[in-house]
Amino acid sequence: MTRRAVIQGVGSALPQRRVDNAELAVQVDTSDEWIVERTGIRTRYIAGEGETTATLAAEACRRALAEAGMEPGEIDLIVLATATPDQTFPSSATKVQAMLGIADCIAFDVHAVCTGFLYALSVADAMIRAGNASSALVIGAETFSRILDWEDRGTCVLFGDGAGAVVLKAEEGGTRGILATRLHADGRHGDMLYVDGGPSTTGTVGKLRMKGREVFRHAVVNLADVLNEVLEVAGLTSDQVDWVVPHQANARIIDATARKLGLSPERVVLTVDRHANTSAASVPLALDVAVKDGRIKQGDCVVLEAMGGGFTWGAAALRF
């Protein structure tokens, strides 16, 4: 009998401070029109004092657990995807574990930037299938505002902070659960989207740097390819997909990828306008929005996809 990881609950958390384009234009040489035309972004959330990657992640987990009707003590695995951990170590996953009051479980971080949630989901799925865990919290959480160069209008307008989480639980048989995942990386393109610092190189956190045109070009091709790949592995065709939940990097990338696959825009979840690019948090944040507003329902076929620095990219097909 097939053992699958089934999503039991979804939750998200955002910082208190909401920043729209007009407010950003006061401190950066930009405008609402310039940002919306090129990215589709209208607002983003910026973490304030006392708000960290781990605190946002823990709140997203509490909401996901409440939706699943589960207690923290039932969790035996936490996988947290982030490129902006609270500290170099210990892992932010262990901080979340402590905040939730879980005395003992497997807990670790995964670092694949914007693809991080897909990597974390794949790892948790594999561990559940192998019998190493029965229930898991899979989290994407970021405070990218703290690694932005606020004088670089080409990057600082694109990103925001937030967290999203899902509760996975092992189920035997049935049709629901994660059907297939596919992950990729190509480190030859590491200079196109990166942070110019690190413990082993500069001893500093550094700031985000990006070659936007090159990233856009690679993203459209790689995301279309990996979506086709994961559908083939899952034994699905594009017309069987109810919803696509993409990484919310840029509305133009999302539109171009949908057109390349022949997907109707009505079947693509879009939240980049309200959250901006929250890196590893963007897919679970968008998933939570679509579940809470009633678009994604139990039994729907959903495909998740993302691409980020590295380059890394990946997709997952699941029956919600």
C-alpha atoms as a PDB file:
ATOM      1  CA  MET A   1       0.000   0.000   0.000  1.00  0.00           C
ATOM      2  CA  THR A   2       1.347   3.433  -0.965  1.00  0.00           C
ATOM      3  CA  ARG A   3       2.392   5.691   1.913  1.00  0.00           C
ATOM      4  CA  ARG A   4       1.990   9.370   1.071  1.00  0.00           C
ATOM      5  CA  ALA A   5       2.540  12.717   2.786  1.00  0.00           C
ATOM      6  CA  VAL A   6      -0.810  14.533   2.848  1.00  0.00           C
ATOM      7  CA  ILE A   7      -1.259  18.237   3.578  1.00  0.00           C
ATOM      8  CA  GLN A   8      -3.483  18.534   6.644  1.00  0.00           C
ATOM      9  CA  GLY A   9      -3.210  22.265   7.280  1.00  0.00           C
ATOM     10  CA  VAL A  10      -1.724  25.461   5.869  1.00  0.00           C
ATOM     11  CA  GLY A  11      -0.812  28.676   7.676  1.00  0.00           C
ATOM     12  CA  SER A  12       1.055  31.922   7.109  1.00  0.00           C
ATOM     13  CA  ALA A  13       2.304  34.974   8.973  1.00  0.00           C
ATOM     14  CA  LEU A  14       3.308  38.471   7.903  1.00  0.00           C
ATOM     15  CA  PRO A  15       5.097  41.301   9.715  1.00  0.00           C
ATOM     16  CA  GLN A  16       2.955  44.111  11.096  1.00  0.00           C
ATOM     17  CA  ARG A  17       4.382  46.808   8.829  1.00  0.00           C
ATOM     18  CA  ARG A  18       2.900  47.026   5.340  1.00  0.00           C
ATOM     19  CA  VAL A  19       4.804  49.170   2.838  1.00  0.00           C
ATOM     20  CA  ASP A  20       3.208  50.252  -0.435  1.00  0.00           C
ATOM     21  CA  ASN A  21       5.038  51.536  -3.500  1.00  0.00           C
ATOM     22  CA  ALA A  22       4.251  55.174  -2.744  1.00  0.00           C
ATOM     23  CA  GLU A  23       5.956  54.919   0.646  1.00  0.00           C
ATOM     24  CA  LEU A  24       8.960  53.208  -0.903  1.00  0.00           C
ATOM     25  CA  ALA A  25       9.228  55.946  -3.561  1.00  0.00           C
ATOM     26  CA  VAL A  26       9.898  58.490  -0.811  1.00  0.00           C
ATOM     27  CA  GLN A  27      13.246  56.860  -0.006  1.00  0.00           C
ATOM     28  CA  VAL A  28      14.170  55.288  -3.372  1.00  0.00           C
ATOM     29  CA  ASP A  29      14.308  56.797  -6.869  1.00  0.00           C
ATOM     30  CA  THR A  30      11.255  54.943  -8.149  1.00  0.00           C
ATOM     31  CA  SER A  31       7.488  55.231  -8.518  1.00  0.00           C
ATOM     32  CA  ASP A  32       4.381  53.117  -8.133  1.00  0.00           C
ATOM     33  CA  GLU A  33       3.945  53.063 -11.921  1.00  0.00           C
ATOM     34  CA  TRP A  34       7.543  51.931 -12.529  1.00  0.00           C
ATOM     35  CA  ILE A  35       7.303  49.066 -10.020  1.00  0.00           C
ATOM     36  CA  VAL A  36       3.838  47.840 -11.066  1.00  0.00           C
ATOM     37  CA  GLU A  37       4.651  47.898 -14.785  1.00  0.00           C
ATOM     38  CA  ARG A  38       7.835  45.848 -14.393  1.00  0.00           C
ATOM     39  CA  THR A  39       6.882  43.499 -11.548  1.00  0.00           C
ATOM     40  CA  GLY A  40       3.179  43.652 -10.683  1.00  0.00           C
ATOM     41  CA  ILE A  41       4.118  44.407  -7.052  1.00  0.00           C
ATOM     42  CA  ARG A  42       2.020  46.957  -5.147  1.00  0.00           C
ATOM     43  CA  THR A  43       2.821  46.253  -1.492  1.00  0.00           C
ATOM     44  CA  ARG A  44       5.139  44.215   0.685  1.00  0.00           C
ATOM     45  CA  TYR A  45       5.609  43.569   4.416  1.00  0.00           C
ATOM     46  CA  ILE A  46       8.794  44.528   6.257  1.00  0.00           C
ATOM     47  CA  ALA A  47       9.858  42.931   9.549  1.00  0.00           C
ATOM     48  CA  GLY A  48      10.259  45.266  12.504  1.00  0.00           C
ATOM     49  CA  GLU A  49      11.880  45.025  15.899  1.00  0.00           C
ATOM     50  CA  GLY A  50      11.276  41.633  17.490  1.00  0.00           C
ATOM     51  CA  GLU A  51      10.113  40.093  14.223  1.00  0.00           C
ATOM     52  CA  THR A  52      12.545  37.509  12.857  1.00  0.00           C
ATOM     53  CA  THR A  53      12.514  34.612  10.449  1.00  0.00           C
ATOM     54  CA  ALA A  54      11.934  32.199  13.344  1.00  0.00           C
ATOM     55  CA  THR A  55       9.146  34.207  15.018  1.00  0.00           C
ATOM     56  CA  LEU A  56       7.270  34.527  11.714  1.00  0.00           C
ATOM     57  CA  ALA A  57       7.828  30.825  11.012  1.00  0.00           C
ATOM     58  CA  ALA A  58       6.541  29.802  14.439  1.00  0.00           C
ATOM     59  CA  GLU A  59       3.353  31.840  13.993  1.00  0.00           C
ATOM     60  CA  ALA A  60       2.742  30.321  10.549  1.00  0.00           C
ATOM     61  CA  CYS A  61       3.176  26.875  12.128  1.00  0.00           C
ATOM     62  CA  ARG A  62       0.683  27.621  14.899  1.00  0.00           C
ATOM     63  CA  ARG A  63      -1.920  28.593  12.316  1.00  0.00           C
ATOM     64  CA  ALA A  64      -1.206  25.543  10.158  1.00  0.00           C
ATOM     65  CA  LEU A  65      -1.478  23.240  13.190  1.00  0.00           C
ATOM     66  CA  ALA A  66      -4.762  24.864  14.212  1.00  0.00           C
ATOM     67  CA  GLU A  67      -6.178  24.256  10.735  1.00  0.00           C
ATOM     68  CA  ALA A  68      -4.976  20.642  10.861  1.00  0.00           C
ATOM     69  CA  GLY A  69      -6.522  20.148  14.321  1.00  0.00           C
ATOM     70  CA  MET A  70      -3.170  18.954  15.657  1.00  0.00           C
ATOM     71  CA  GLU A  71      -0.996  19.759  18.662  1.00  0.00           C
ATOM     72  CA  PRO A  72       2.701  20.664  18.377  1.00  0.00           C
ATOM     73  CA  GLY A  73       3.639  17.524  20.290  1.00  0.00           C
ATOM     74  CA  GLU A  74       2.343  15.376  17.433  1.00  0.00           C
ATOM     75  CA  ILE A  75       5.076  16.705  15.103  1.00  0.00           C
ATOM     76  CA  ASP A  76       8.199  14.597  14.714  1.00  0.00           C
ATOM     77  CA  LEU A  77       9.921  16.508  11.869  1.00  0.00           C
ATOM     78  CA  ILE A  78      10.498  20.213  11.151  1.00  0.00           C
ATOM     79  CA  VAL A  79      12.134  21.302   7.894  1.00  0.00           C
ATOM     80  CA  LEU A  80      12.526  25.061   7.550  1.00  0.00           C
ATOM     81  CA  ALA A  81      13.574  26.621   4.239  1.00  0.00           C
ATOM     82  CA  THR A  82      15.300  29.986   4.552  1.00  0.00           C
ATOM     83  CA  ALA A  83      18.183  32.050   3.206  1.00  0.00           C
ATOM     84  CA  THR A  84      17.872  34.527   6.093  1.00  0.00           C
ATOM     85  CA  PRO A  85      18.165  32.505   9.329  1.00  0.00           C
ATOM     86  CA  ASP A  86      18.086  34.198  12.709  1.00  0.00           C
ATOM     87  CA  GLN A  87      21.692  33.123  13.310  1.00  0.00           C
ATOM     88  CA  THR A  88      24.425  31.257  11.449  1.00  0.00           C
ATOM     89  CA  PHE A  89      23.654  28.496  13.957  1.00  0.00           C
ATOM     90  CA  PRO A  90      21.714  27.011  15.646  1.00  0.00           C
ATOM     91  CA  SER A  91      19.216  26.391  12.877  1.00  0.00           C
ATOM     92  CA  SER A  92      16.044  28.456  12.801  1.00  0.00           C
ATOM     93  CA  ALA A  93      14.133  25.157  12.724  1.00  0.00           C
ATOM     94  CA  THR A  94      15.321  24.354  16.236  1.00  0.00           C
ATOM     95  CA  LYS A  95      14.297  27.837  17.379  1.00  0.00           C
ATOM     96  CA  VAL A  96      10.817  27.208  15.986  1.00  0.00           C
ATOM     97  CA  GLN A  97      10.792  23.819  17.724  1.00  0.00           C
ATOM     98  CA  ALA A  98      11.497  25.538  21.054  1.00  0.00           C
ATOM     99  CA  MET A  99       8.903  28.271  20.437  1.00  0.00           C
ATOM    100  CA  LEU A 100       6.261  25.627  19.775  1.00  0.00           C
ATOM    101  CA  GLY A 101       7.185  23.765  22.956  1.00  0.00           C
ATOM    102  CA  ILE A 102       8.255  20.564  21.210  1.00  0.00           C
ATOM    103  CA  ALA A 103      10.738  18.734  23.439  1.00  0.00           C
ATOM    104  CA  ASP A 104      12.171  16.366  20.840  1.00  0.00           C
ATOM    105  CA  CYS A 105      11.857  15.980  17.072  1.00  0.00           C
ATOM    106  CA  ILE A 106      14.028  16.104  13.974  1.00  0.00           C
ATOM    107  CA  ALA A 107      14.620  19.773  13.074  1.00  0.00           C
ATOM    108  CA  PHE A 108      16.892  21.384  10.491  1.00  0.00           C
ATOM    109  CA  ASP A 109      17.106  24.173   7.916  1.00  0.00           C
ATOM    110  CA  VAL A 110      17.282  23.848   4.129  1.00  0.00           C
ATOM    111  CA  HIS A 111      18.970  26.560   2.060  1.00  0.00           C
ATOM    112  CA  ALA A 112      17.947  26.762  -1.603  1.00  0.00           C
ATOM    113  CA  VAL A 113      16.811  30.404  -1.644  1.00  0.00           C
ATOM    114  CA  CYS A 114      13.502  30.888  -3.508  1.00  0.00           C
ATOM    115  CA  THR A 115      13.258  27.158  -4.288  1.00  0.00           C
ATOM    116  CA  GLY A 116      13.782  26.347  -0.621  1.00  0.00           C
ATOM    117  CA  PHE A 117      10.194  25.397   0.163  1.00  0.00           C
ATOM    118  CA  LEU A 118      10.137  22.901  -2.732  1.00  0.00           C
ATOM    119  CA  TYR A 119      13.424  21.392  -1.525  1.00  0.00           C
ATOM    120  CA  ALA A 120      12.103  21.203   2.045  1.00  0.00           C
ATOM    121  CA  LEU A 121       8.821  19.661   0.892  1.00  0.00           C
ATOM    122  CA  SER A 122      10.691  17.032  -1.118  1.00  0.00           C
ATOM    123  CA  VAL A 123      12.934  16.148   1.846  1.00  0.00           C
ATOM    124  CA  ALA A 124       9.990  15.847   4.238  1.00  0.00           C
ATOM    125  CA  ASP A 125       8.032  13.795   1.701  1.00  0.00           C
ATOM    126  CA  ALA A 126      10.957  11.389   1.277  1.00  0.00           C
ATOM    127  CA  MET A 127      11.383  10.999   5.047  1.00  0.00           C
ATOM    128  CA  ILE A 128       7.679  10.297   5.526  1.00  0.00           C
ATOM    129  CA  ARG A 129       7.611   7.790   2.666  1.00  0.00           C
ATOM    130  CA  ALA A 130      10.653   6.053   4.168  1.00  0.00           C
ATOM    131  CA  GLY A 131       8.994   5.808   7.567  1.00  0.00           C
ATOM    132  CA  ASN A 132      11.442   8.159   9.300  1.00  0.00           C
ATOM    133  CA  ALA A 133       8.620  10.520  10.251  1.00  0.00           C
ATOM    134  CA  SER A 134       4.843  10.382  10.492  1.00  0.00           C
ATOM    135  CA  SER A 135       4.031  14.079  10.680  1.00  0.00           C
ATOM    136  CA  ALA A 136       5.983  17.150   9.668  1.00  0.00           C
ATOM    137  CA  LEU A 137       5.991  20.912   9.590  1.00  0.00           C
ATOM    138  CA  VAL A 138       7.432  22.223   6.317  1.00  0.00           C
ATOM    139  CA  ILE A 139       8.128  25.939   6.442  1.00  0.00           C
ATOM    140  CA  GLY A 140       9.334  28.702   4.148  1.00  0.00           C
ATOM    141  CA  ALA A 141      10.286  31.838   6.084  1.00  0.00           C
ATOM    142  CA  GLU A 142      12.359  34.908   5.224  1.00  0.00           C
ATOM    143  CA  THR A 143      13.331  38.388   6.367  1.00  0.00           C
ATOM    144  CA  PHE A 144      14.912  39.473   3.093  1.00  0.00           C
ATOM    145  CA  SER A 145      14.547  43.148   4.030  1.00  0.00           C
ATOM    146  CA  ARG A 146      17.653  42.697   6.180  1.00  0.00           C
ATOM    147  CA  ILE A 147      19.916  41.774   3.255  1.00  0.00           C
ATOM    148  CA  LEU A 148      18.651  44.380   0.789  1.00  0.00           C
ATOM    149  CA  ASP A 149      20.590  47.377  -0.489  1.00  0.00           C
ATOM    150  CA  TRP A 150      17.939  50.060   0.001  1.00  0.00           C
ATOM    151  CA  GLU A 151      19.732  52.343  -2.470  1.00  0.00           C
ATOM    152  CA  ASP A 152      19.437  49.809  -5.312  1.00  0.00           C
ATOM    153  CA  ARG A 153      15.980  50.325  -6.800  1.00  0.00           C
ATOM    154  CA  GLY A 154      16.480  47.347  -9.115  1.00  0.00           C
ATOM    155  CA  THR A 155      16.357  44.925  -6.155  1.00  0.00           C
ATOM    156  CA  CYS A 156      14.962  46.579  -3.024  1.00  0.00           C
ATOM    157  CA  VAL A 157      11.504  47.092  -4.566  1.00  0.00           C
ATOM    158  CA  LEU A 158      11.171  43.383  -5.366  1.00  0.00           C
ATOM    159  CA  PHE A 159      11.313  41.702  -1.964  1.00  0.00           C
ATOM    160  CA  GLY A 160       9.347  41.406   1.252  1.00  0.00           C
ATOM    161  CA  ASP A 161       9.230  39.371   4.459  1.00  0.00           C
ATOM    162  CA  GLY A 162       6.893  36.613   5.615  1.00  0.00           C
ATOM    163  CA  ALA A 163       6.405  32.937   6.379  1.00  0.00           C
ATOM    164  CA  GLY A 164       4.215  30.061   5.275  1.00  0.00           C
ATOM    165  CA  ALA A 165       3.904  26.511   6.606  1.00  0.00           C
ATOM    166  CA  VAL A 166       2.159  23.250   5.863  1.00  0.00           C
ATOM    167  CA  VAL A 167       1.463  20.277   8.114  1.00  0.00           C
ATOM    168  CA  LEU A 168       2.153  16.925   6.452  1.00  0.00           C
ATOM    169  CA  LYS A 169       0.861  13.640   7.808  1.00  0.00           C
ATOM    170  CA  ALA A 170       1.499  10.115   6.589  1.00  0.00           C
ATOM    171  CA  GLU A 171      -1.489   8.283   5.128  1.00  0.00           C
ATOM    172  CA  GLU A 172      -1.664   4.776   3.724  1.00  0.00           C
ATOM    173  CA  GLY A 173      -3.532   4.326   0.457  1.00  0.00           C
ATOM    174  CA  GLY A 174      -5.978   6.885  -0.858  1.00  0.00           C
ATOM    175  CA  THR A 175      -5.475   9.382  -3.644  1.00  0.00           C
ATOM    176  CA  ARG A 176      -4.456  12.507  -1.707  1.00  0.00           C
ATOM    177  CA  GLY A 177      -0.915  13.625  -0.969  1.00  0.00           C
ATOM    178  CA  ILE A 178       2.317  14.540  -2.706  1.00  0.00           C
ATOM    179  CA  LEU A 179       2.431  12.679  -6.014  1.00  0.00           C
ATOM    180  CA  ALA A 180       5.837  13.722  -7.349  1.00  0.00           C
ATOM    181  CA  THR A 181       8.645  16.228  -6.816  1.00  0.00           C
ATOM    182  CA  ARG A 182      11.498  17.243  -9.103  1.00  0.00           C
ATOM    183  CA  LEU A 183      14.493  19.395  -8.115  1.00  0.00           C
ATOM    184  CA  HIS A 184      17.409  20.896 -10.037  1.00  0.00           C
ATOM    185  CA  ALA A 185      20.446  23.135  -9.513  1.00  0.00           C
ATOM    186  CA  ASP A 186      23.116  24.685 -11.746  1.00  0.00           C
ATOM    187  CA  GLY A 187      25.833  26.491  -9.814  1.00  0.00           C
ATOM    188  CA  ARG A 188      27.440  27.876 -12.968  1.00  0.00           C
ATOM    189  CA  HIS A 189      24.976  30.758 -12.782  1.00  0.00           C
ATOM    190  CA  GLY A 190      25.669  31.683  -9.165  1.00  0.00           C
ATOM    191  CA  ASP A 191      26.818  35.203 -10.084  1.00  0.00           C
ATOM    192  CA  MET A 192      23.407  36.188 -11.469  1.00  0.00           C
ATOM    193  CA  LEU A 193      21.548  36.199  -8.145  1.00  0.00           C
ATOM    194  CA  TYR A 194      23.587  36.176  -4.946  1.00  0.00           C
ATOM    195  CA  VAL A 195      24.527  37.895  -1.693  1.00  0.00           C
ATOM    196  CA  ASP A 196      27.964  39.531  -1.609  1.00  0.00           C
ATOM    197  CA  GLY A 197      28.886  38.315   1.866  1.00  0.00           C
ATOM    198  CA  GLY A 198      29.081  35.281   4.126  1.00  0.00           C
ATOM    199  CA  PRO A 199      30.787  33.878   7.247  1.00  0.00           C
ATOM    200  CA  SER A 200      33.558  32.109   5.328  1.00  0.00           C
ATOM    201  CA  THR A 201      34.312  34.871   2.801  1.00  0.00           C
ATOM    202  CA  THR A 202      33.755  38.347   4.182  1.00  0.00           C
ATOM    203  CA  GLY A 203      32.636  37.663   7.737  1.00  0.00           C
ATOM    204  CA  THR A 204      29.601  39.845   7.039  1.00  0.00           C
ATOM    205  CA  VAL A 205      25.986  39.191   6.074  1.00  0.00           C
ATOM    206  CA  GLY A 206      26.291  41.064   2.765  1.00  0.00           C
ATOM    207  CA  LYS A 207      23.637  42.457   0.428  1.00  0.00           C
ATOM    208  CA  LEU A 208      21.563  40.922  -2.349  1.00  0.00           C
ATOM    209  CA  ARG A 209      22.762  41.431  -5.943  1.00  0.00           C
ATOM    210  CA  MET A 210      20.944  40.424  -9.116  1.00  0.00           C
ATOM    211  CA  LYS A 211      21.252  40.542 -12.896  1.00  0.00           C
ATOM    212  CA  GLY A 212      17.552  40.855 -13.585  1.00  0.00           C
ATOM    213  CA  ARG A 213      17.413  40.232 -17.337  1.00  0.00           C
ATOM    214  CA  GLU A 214      19.422  37.015 -17.142  1.00  0.00           C
ATOM    215  CA  VAL A 215      17.392  35.711 -14.200  1.00  0.00           C
ATOM    216  CA  PHE A 216      14.138  36.402 -16.068  1.00  0.00           C
ATOM    217  CA  ARG A 217      15.318  34.527 -19.155  1.00  0.00           C
ATOM    218  CA  HIS A 218      16.449  31.448 -17.228  1.00  0.00           C
ATOM    219  CA  ALA A 219      13.356  31.452 -15.010  1.00  0.00           C
ATOM    220  CA  VAL A 220      10.823  31.204 -17.828  1.00  0.00           C
ATOM    221  CA  VAL A 221      12.634  28.294 -19.503  1.00  0.00           C
ATOM    222  CA  ASN A 222      13.518  26.364 -16.327  1.00  0.00           C
ATOM    223  CA  LEU A 223      10.097  26.694 -14.706  1.00  0.00           C
ATOM    224  CA  ALA A 224       8.237  25.568 -17.825  1.00  0.00           C
ATOM    225  CA  ASP A 225      10.578  22.580 -18.177  1.00  0.00           C
ATOM    226  CA  VAL A 226      10.300  21.438 -14.555  1.00  0.00           C
ATOM    227  CA  LEU A 227       6.517  21.797 -14.573  1.00  0.00           C
ATOM    228  CA  ASN A 228       6.300  19.532 -17.614  1.00  0.00           C
ATOM    229  CA  GLU A 229       8.738  17.143 -15.949  1.00  0.00           C
ATOM    230  CA  VAL A 230       6.833  16.802 -12.668  1.00  0.00           C
ATOM    231  CA  LEU A 231       3.511  16.350 -14.499  1.00  0.00           C
ATOM    232  CA  GLU A 232       5.002  13.530 -16.558  1.00  0.00           C
ATOM    233  CA  VAL A 233       6.370  11.784 -13.460  1.00  0.00           C
ATOM    234  CA  ALA A 234       3.013  12.168 -11.697  1.00  0.00           C
ATOM    235  CA  GLY A 235       1.178  10.783 -14.738  1.00  0.00           C
ATOM    236  CA  LEU A 236      -0.786  13.996 -15.245  1.00  0.00           C
ATOM    237  CA  THR A 237      -1.519  16.305 -18.155  1.00  0.00           C
ATOM    238  CA  SER A 238      -1.764  20.091 -17.848  1.00  0.00           C
ATOM    239  CA  ASP A 239      -5.534  20.017 -18.360  1.00  0.00           C
ATOM    240  CA  GLN A 240      -5.856  17.830 -15.234  1.00  0.00           C
ATOM    241  CA  VAL A 241      -4.246  20.527 -13.073  1.00  0.00           C
ATOM    242  CA  ASP A 242      -6.742  22.595 -11.109  1.00  0.00           C
ATOM    243  CA  TRP A 243      -4.262  25.133  -9.740  1.00  0.00           C
ATOM    244  CA  VAL A 244      -0.653  26.207 -10.227  1.00  0.00           C
ATOM    245  CA  VAL A 245       0.946  27.942  -7.243  1.00  0.00           C
ATOM    246  CA  PRO A 246       4.148  29.538  -8.534  1.00  0.00           C
ATOM    247  CA  HIS A 247       6.978  31.290  -6.770  1.00  0.00           C
ATOM    248  CA  GLN A 248       5.848  34.908  -6.524  1.00  0.00           C
ATOM    249  CA  ALA A 249       8.909  36.645  -7.948  1.00  0.00           C
ATOM    250  CA  ASN A 250       7.496  38.770 -10.719  1.00  0.00           C
ATOM    251  CA  ALA A 251       4.082  38.856 -12.408  1.00  0.00           C
ATOM    252  CA  ARG A 252       5.751  38.961 -15.825  1.00  0.00           C
ATOM    253  CA  ILE A 253       7.678  35.726 -15.148  1.00  0.00           C
ATOM    254  CA  ILE A 254       4.492  34.040 -13.905  1.00  0.00           C
ATOM    255  CA  ASP A 255       2.523  35.182 -16.972  1.00  0.00           C
ATOM    256  CA  ALA A 256       5.262  34.143 -19.399  1.00  0.00           C
ATOM    257  CA  THR A 257       5.577  30.690 -17.819  1.00  0.00           C
ATOM    258  CA  ALA A 258       1.803  30.153 -17.928  1.00  0.00           C
ATOM    259  CA  ARG A 259       1.678  31.125 -21.606  1.00  0.00           C
ATOM    260  CA  LYS A 260       4.570  28.791 -22.430  1.00  0.00           C
ATOM    261  CA  LEU A 261       2.629  25.908 -20.854  1.00  0.00           C
ATOM    262  CA  GLY A 262      -0.720  26.938 -22.305  1.00  0.00           C
ATOM    263  CA  LEU A 263      -2.198  27.419 -18.834  1.00  0.00           C
ATOM    264  CA  SER A 264      -5.146  29.727 -18.292  1.00  0.00           C
ATOM    265  CA  PRO A 265      -4.296  32.698 -16.016  1.00  0.00           C
ATOM    266  CA  GLU A 266      -7.458  31.870 -14.041  1.00  0.00           C
ATOM    267  CA  ARG A 267      -5.777  28.654 -12.851  1.00  0.00           C
ATOM    268  CA  VAL A 268      -2.627  30.408 -11.583  1.00  0.00           C
ATOM    269  CA  VAL A 269      -2.513  31.757  -8.027  1.00  0.00           C
ATOM    270  CA  LEU A 270      -1.046  35.269  -7.991  1.00  0.00           C
ATOM    271  CA  THR A 271      -0.140  37.067  -4.753  1.00  0.00           C
ATOM    272  CA  VAL A 272       3.041  38.920  -5.748  1.00  0.00           C
ATOM    273  CA  ASP A 273       1.027  42.142  -5.906  1.00  0.00           C
ATOM    274  CA  ARG A 274       0.401  42.086  -2.136  1.00  0.00           C
ATOM    275  CA  HIS A 275       3.473  40.242  -0.751  1.00  0.00           C
ATOM    276  CA  ALA A 276       6.267  40.928  -3.305  1.00  0.00           C
ATOM    277  CA  ASN A 277       8.977  38.257  -3.534  1.00  0.00           C
ATOM    278  CA  THR A 278       9.304  36.549  -0.142  1.00  0.00           C
ATOM    279  CA  SER A 279      11.782  33.959  -1.449  1.00  0.00           C
ATOM    280  CA  ALA A 280      11.261  30.571   0.255  1.00  0.00           C
ATOM    281  CA  ALA A 281       8.069  31.856   1.885  1.00  0.00           C
ATOM    282  CA  SER A 282       6.306  32.832  -1.336  1.00  0.00           C
ATOM    283  CA  VAL A 283       4.894  29.433  -2.390  1.00  0.00           C
ATOM    284  CA  PRO A 284       3.393  28.495   1.012  1.00  0.00           C
ATOM    285  CA  LEU A 285       2.138  32.074   1.470  1.00  0.00           C
ATOM    286  CA  ALA A 286       0.345  31.936  -1.879  1.00  0.00           C
ATOM    287  CA  LEU A 287      -0.944  28.439  -1.132  1.00  0.00           C
ATOM    288  CA  ASP A 288      -2.404  29.624   2.165  1.00  0.00           C
ATOM    289  CA  VAL A 289      -4.152  32.568   0.496  1.00  0.00           C
ATOM    290  CA  ALA A 290      -5.760  30.294  -2.104  1.00  0.00           C
ATOM    291  CA  VAL A 291      -6.842  27.741   0.505  1.00  0.00           C
ATOM    292  CA  LYS A 292      -8.272  30.365   2.851  1.00  0.00           C
ATOM    293  CA  ASP A 293     -10.265  32.136   0.121  1.00  0.00           C
ATOM    294  CA  GLY A 294     -11.755  28.836  -1.021  1.00  0.00           C
ATOM    295  CA  ARG A 295     -10.129  28.477  -4.419  1.00  0.00           C
ATOM    296  CA  ILE A 296      -8.095  25.390  -3.547  1.00  0.00           C
ATOM    297  CA  LYS A 297     -10.293  22.647  -2.125  1.00  0.00           C
ATOM    298  CA  GLN A 298      -9.684  19.115  -0.913  1.00  0.00           C
ATOM    299  CA  GLY A 299      -9.247  16.795  -3.885  1.00  0.00           C
ATOM    300  CA  ASP A 300      -7.871  19.477  -6.212  1.00  0.00           C
ATOM    301  CA  CYS A 301      -4.763  18.723  -8.246  1.00  0.00           C
ATOM    302  CA  VAL A 302      -2.186  21.399  -7.421  1.00  0.00           C
ATOM    303  CA  VAL A 303       1.278  22.031  -8.834  1.00  0.00           C
ATOM    304  CA  LEU A 304       3.859  24.124  -6.972  1.00  0.00           C
ATOM    305  CA  GLU A 305       6.969  25.559  -8.648  1.00  0.00           C
ATOM    306  CA  ALA A 306       9.864  27.894  -7.886  1.00  0.00           C
ATOM    307  CA  MET A 307      13.284  29.056  -9.024  1.00  0.00           C
ATOM    308  CA  GLY A 308      15.951  30.920  -7.067  1.00  0.00           C
ATOM    309  CA  GLY A 309      19.590  31.795  -6.664  1.00  0.00           C
ATOM    310  CA  GLY A 310      22.098  29.096  -7.268  1.00  0.00           C
ATOM    311  CA  PHE A 311      20.403  28.607  -9.685  1.00  0.00           C
ATOM    312  CA  THR A 312      17.984  26.174  -8.081  1.00  0.00           C
ATOM    313  CA  TRP A 313      14.543  25.242  -9.358  1.00  0.00           C
ATOM    314  CA  GLY A 314      11.895  22.643  -8.705  1.00  0.00           C
ATOM    315  CA  ALA A 315       8.236  21.611  -8.748  1.00  0.00           C
ATOM    316  CA  ALA A 316       5.830  19.386  -6.859  1.00  0.00           C
ATOM    317  CA  ALA A 317       2.517  17.830  -7.932  1.00  0.00           C
ATOM    318  CA  LEU A 318       0.003  16.944  -5.246  1.00  0.00           C
ATOM    319  CA  ARG A 319      -3.601  16.034  -4.614  1.00  0.00           C
ATOM    320  CA  PHE A 320      -4.745  18.486  -1.957  1.00  0.00           C
END
